[in-house]
Protein backbone atom coordinates (compact mmCIF):
# COMPACT_ATOMS: atom_id res chain seq x y z
CA MET A 1 1.36 64.47 3.35
CA GLY A 2 3.30 63.93 7.02
CA ALA A 3 6.81 62.90 7.02
CA ARG A 4 5.66 59.26 8.47
CA ALA A 5 4.16 58.43 4.96
CA TRP A 6 7.43 59.38 3.36
CA ARG A 7 9.63 57.42 5.35
CA ALA A 8 6.33 54.32 4.23
CA ALA A 9 6.42 55.54 0.38
CA ALA A 10 10.14 55.39 0.88
CA MET A 11 11.13 52.52 2.14
CA LEU A 12 8.21 50.90 -0.03
CA LEU A 13 10.28 51.79 -2.52
CA LEU A 14 13.66 49.79 -1.53
CA LEU A 15 12.29 47.01 -0.78
CA ALA A 16 10.30 46.84 -3.90
CA GLY A 17 14.18 47.41 -5.35
CA THR A 18 15.62 45.21 -4.12
CA ALA A 19 12.89 42.48 -4.66
CA GLU A 20 13.48 42.86 -8.35
CA ALA A 21 16.72 42.53 -7.89
CA GLN A 22 16.91 39.20 -6.67
CA THR A 23 14.76 37.96 -10.02
CA PRO A 24 17.04 35.80 -12.48
CA ASN A 25 16.70 37.48 -15.68
CA VAL A 26 15.71 33.28 -17.35
CA ASN A 27 14.56 33.05 -20.36
CA LEU A 28 11.59 30.63 -20.16
CA ILE A 29 10.69 30.02 -24.02
CA PRO A 30 13.60 29.87 -25.92
CA GLU A 31 13.81 30.45 -29.45
CA LEU A 32 12.52 27.36 -31.31
CA LYS A 33 15.46 26.13 -33.70
CA SER A 34 14.52 23.97 -36.81
CA LYS A 35 16.40 20.66 -37.73
CA THR A 36 17.37 20.35 -41.07
CA PRO A 37 16.42 16.94 -43.05
CA GLU A 38 19.82 16.20 -42.27
CA GLU A 39 19.55 16.42 -38.86
CA ILE A 40 16.49 14.58 -39.03
CA GLU A 41 17.78 11.73 -40.65
CA GLN A 42 20.54 11.44 -38.55
CA ASP A 43 17.76 11.60 -35.51
CA ARG A 44 16.70 8.54 -36.85
CA ILE A 45 19.32 6.55 -37.62
CA THR A 46 20.18 6.94 -33.69
CA GLU A 47 17.08 5.87 -32.61
CA LYS A 48 16.71 2.57 -34.43
CA ALA A 49 19.96 2.23 -33.34
CA TYR A 50 19.19 2.30 -30.01
CA LYS A 51 15.66 0.51 -30.19
CA ASP A 52 18.11 -1.91 -31.72
CA SER A 53 19.99 -2.28 -29.45
CA LEU A 54 17.90 -2.80 -26.26
CA ARG A 55 16.48 -5.67 -28.34
CA LYS A 56 19.82 -7.14 -28.09
CA ILE A 57 19.82 -6.97 -24.01
CA PRO A 58 18.84 -10.66 -22.64
CA ASP A 59 16.12 -11.21 -20.05
CA ALA A 60 17.36 -11.33 -16.52
CA LYS A 61 16.28 -15.52 -15.66
CA VAL A 62 18.13 -15.32 -12.74
CA SER A 63 16.22 -13.27 -8.87
CA SER A 64 17.11 -9.85 -8.17
CA ASP A 65 16.20 -10.97 -4.36
CA PRO A 66 19.08 -10.85 -1.90
CA TRP A 67 17.24 -12.53 0.56
CA GLY A 68 16.21 -15.60 -1.56
CA ASP A 69 18.88 -17.59 0.01
CA VAL A 70 18.02 -17.15 3.33
CA ARG A 71 14.23 -16.88 3.50
CA SER A 72 12.42 -20.20 2.97
CA THR A 73 9.82 -21.17 -0.09
CA ASP A 74 7.66 -22.85 2.08
CA ALA A 75 4.58 -20.85 3.53
CA PRO A 76 4.70 -20.82 7.53
CA LYS A 77 2.56 -23.17 9.04
CA ALA A 78 0.60 -21.61 11.53
CA ALA A 79 0.91 -21.91 15.16
CA PRO A 80 -1.90 -24.56 16.82
CA ALA A 81 -4.04 -22.51 18.62
CA LYS A 82 -3.77 -23.70 22.33
CA SER A 83 -6.75 -24.42 24.55
CA ARG A 84 -6.86 -21.98 27.36
CA SER A 85 -8.73 -24.03 30.19
CA ARG A 86 -9.21 -21.74 33.48
CA PRO A 87 -7.89 -23.56 36.69
CA SER A 88 -10.84 -24.63 38.80
CA HIS A 89 -10.60 -22.97 42.46
CA SER A 90 -11.58 -25.98 44.27
CA ALA A 91 -12.61 -25.29 47.88
CA ASN A 92 -12.08 -27.65 50.65
């Protein structure tokens, strides 16, 4: 192996080492934790209270259109089509 090959191999090793150092050490699959019966019951109570509170919110009757007062409610009327007649050129 020549000197060039050794230099190339050394560069590859250096680059591979720095690339490996940049990867974060993140565990994408955390340990599964089972809930106790008390925690399950508490979650059920919390979920029921949340759903009950959503039922108490009144339906919105007012439009939330900020331009509602500016726009007219009538449909725009089409302008009548103008008949285009060509001016007659009379030679005298």
